[in-house]
Amino acid sequence: MASDQRRVEAMFGLNPWELGLILMAILLLFGAKRVPEIGRSLGKGIREFKSSVEGKYEEAAKTEEEKTETTTKP
């Protein structure tokens, strides 16, 4: 019965064979030495973006606190 078979799905709705094919294509295009560098650069960029977004939220909260403090003081 087809309904009894388990279907394995990974991230983004891709099955393991599709993910493997994509990873092999990346490896062939960029080479084994460049792939870790690309991953490192991508991770660093994501971390920097995340920290800058969090910093903007903290700045906005700080300015809101300052505004409420100045309006409550006579």
C-alpha atoms as a PDB file:
ATOM      1  CA  MET A   1       0.000   0.000   0.000  1.00  0.00           C
ATOM      2  CA  ALA A   2       1.297   3.407  -0.962  1.00  0.00           C
ATOM      3  CA  SER A   3      -0.256   5.081   2.079  1.00  0.00           C
ATOM      4  CA  ASP A   4       1.927   2.993   4.416  1.00  0.00           C
ATOM      5  CA  GLN A   5       5.189   4.249   2.907  1.00  0.00           C
ATOM      6  CA  ARG A   6       6.895   7.072   4.735  1.00  0.00           C
ATOM      7  CA  ARG A   7       7.941  10.082   2.772  1.00  0.00           C
ATOM      8  CA  VAL A   8      11.071  11.782   4.074  1.00  0.00           C
ATOM      9  CA  GLU A   9      11.178  15.528   3.513  1.00  0.00           C
ATOM     10  CA  ALA A  10      13.913  17.864   4.583  1.00  0.00           C
ATOM     11  CA  MET A  11      14.212  21.618   4.617  1.00  0.00           C
ATOM     12  CA  PHE A  12      12.328  23.679   2.048  1.00  0.00           C
ATOM     13  CA  GLY A  13      10.241  20.684   0.985  1.00  0.00           C
ATOM     14  CA  LEU A  14      13.164  19.001  -0.765  1.00  0.00           C
ATOM     15  CA  ASN A  15      13.798  15.306  -0.400  1.00  0.00           C
ATOM     16  CA  PRO A  16      17.278  13.989   0.503  1.00  0.00           C
ATOM     17  CA  TRP A  17      18.129  13.114  -3.122  1.00  0.00           C
ATOM     18  CA  GLU A  18      17.437  16.665  -4.272  1.00  0.00           C
ATOM     19  CA  LEU A  19      19.500  18.145  -1.448  1.00  0.00           C
ATOM     20  CA  GLY A  20      22.360  15.766  -2.267  1.00  0.00           C
ATOM     21  CA  LEU A  21      22.221  16.733  -5.927  1.00  0.00           C
ATOM     22  CA  ILE A  22      22.313  20.439  -5.065  1.00  0.00           C
ATOM     23  CA  LEU A  23      25.251  19.928  -2.700  1.00  0.00           C
ATOM     24  CA  MET A  24      27.155  17.953  -5.342  1.00  0.00           C
ATOM     25  CA  ALA A  25      26.553  20.697  -7.916  1.00  0.00           C
ATOM     26  CA  ILE A  26      27.864  23.323  -5.479  1.00  0.00           C
ATOM     27  CA  LEU A  27      30.902  21.169  -4.759  1.00  0.00           C
ATOM     28  CA  LEU A  28      31.627  20.740  -8.477  1.00  0.00           C
ATOM     29  CA  LEU A  29      31.142  24.432  -9.256  1.00  0.00           C
ATOM     30  CA  PHE A  30      33.243  25.892  -6.454  1.00  0.00           C
ATOM     31  CA  GLY A  31      35.613  23.090  -5.479  1.00  0.00           C
ATOM     32  CA  ALA A  32      36.321  21.454  -2.138  1.00  0.00           C
ATOM     33  CA  LYS A  33      38.570  24.272  -0.908  1.00  0.00           C
ATOM     34  CA  ARG A  34      36.122  27.114  -1.616  1.00  0.00           C
ATOM     35  CA  VAL A  35      32.953  25.551  -0.161  1.00  0.00           C
ATOM     36  CA  PRO A  36      34.023  25.946   3.526  1.00  0.00           C
ATOM     37  CA  GLU A  37      35.118  29.529   2.835  1.00  0.00           C
ATOM     38  CA  ILE A  38      31.774  30.333   1.244  1.00  0.00           C
ATOM     39  CA  GLY A  39      29.914  28.785   4.182  1.00  0.00           C
ATOM     40  CA  ARG A  40      32.024  30.726   6.663  1.00  0.00           C
ATOM     41  CA  SER A  41      31.457  33.992   4.829  1.00  0.00           C
ATOM     42  CA  LEU A  42      27.738  33.368   4.587  1.00  0.00           C
ATOM     43  CA  GLY A  43      27.507  32.566   8.314  1.00  0.00           C
ATOM     44  CA  LYS A  44      29.498  35.661   9.233  1.00  0.00           C
ATOM     45  CA  GLY A  45      27.258  37.844   7.086  1.00  0.00           C
ATOM     46  CA  ILE A  46      24.110  36.420   8.638  1.00  0.00           C
ATOM     47  CA  ARG A  47      25.509  36.949  12.156  1.00  0.00           C
ATOM     48  CA  GLU A  48      26.435  40.570  11.377  1.00  0.00           C
ATOM     49  CA  PHE A  49      23.009  41.254   9.897  1.00  0.00           C
ATOM     50  CA  LYS A  50      21.307  39.694  12.903  1.00  0.00           C
ATOM     51  CA  SER A  51      23.361  41.712  15.392  1.00  0.00           C
ATOM     52  CA  SER A  52      22.723  44.966  13.519  1.00  0.00           C
ATOM     53  CA  VAL A  53      18.970  44.316  13.506  1.00  0.00           C
ATOM     54  CA  GLU A  54      19.020  43.503  17.228  1.00  0.00           C
ATOM     55  CA  GLY A  55      21.071  46.646  17.871  1.00  0.00           C
ATOM     56  CA  LYS A  56      18.487  48.791  16.101  1.00  0.00           C
ATOM     57  CA  TYR A  57      15.709  47.309  18.252  1.00  0.00           C
ATOM     58  CA  GLU A  58      17.738  48.024  21.396  1.00  0.00           C
ATOM     59  CA  GLU A  59      18.371  51.597  20.231  1.00  0.00           C
ATOM     60  CA  ALA A  60      14.681  52.130  19.542  1.00  0.00           C
ATOM     61  CA  ALA A  61      13.754  50.800  22.990  1.00  0.00           C
ATOM     62  CA  LYS A  62      16.371  53.023  24.628  1.00  0.00           C
ATOM     63  CA  THR A  63      15.104  56.155  22.870  1.00  0.00           C
ATOM     64  CA  GLU A  64      11.524  55.291  23.860  1.00  0.00           C
ATOM     65  CA  GLU A  65      12.628  54.990  27.490  1.00  0.00           C
ATOM     66  CA  GLU A  66      14.389  58.351  27.272  1.00  0.00           C
ATOM     67  CA  LYS A  67      11.297  59.962  25.778  1.00  0.00           C
ATOM     68  CA  THR A  68       9.064  58.628  28.554  1.00  0.00           C
ATOM     69  CA  GLU A  69      11.544  59.758  31.219  1.00  0.00           C
ATOM     70  CA  THR A  70      11.700  63.311  29.822  1.00  0.00           C
ATOM     71  CA  THR A  71       7.919  63.600  29.504  1.00  0.00           C
ATOM     72  CA  THR A  72       7.282  62.349  33.053  1.00  0.00           C
ATOM     73  CA  LYS A  73       9.796  64.724  34.647  1.00  0.00           C
ATOM     74  CA  PRO A  74       8.492  68.279  35.230  1.00  0.00           C
END
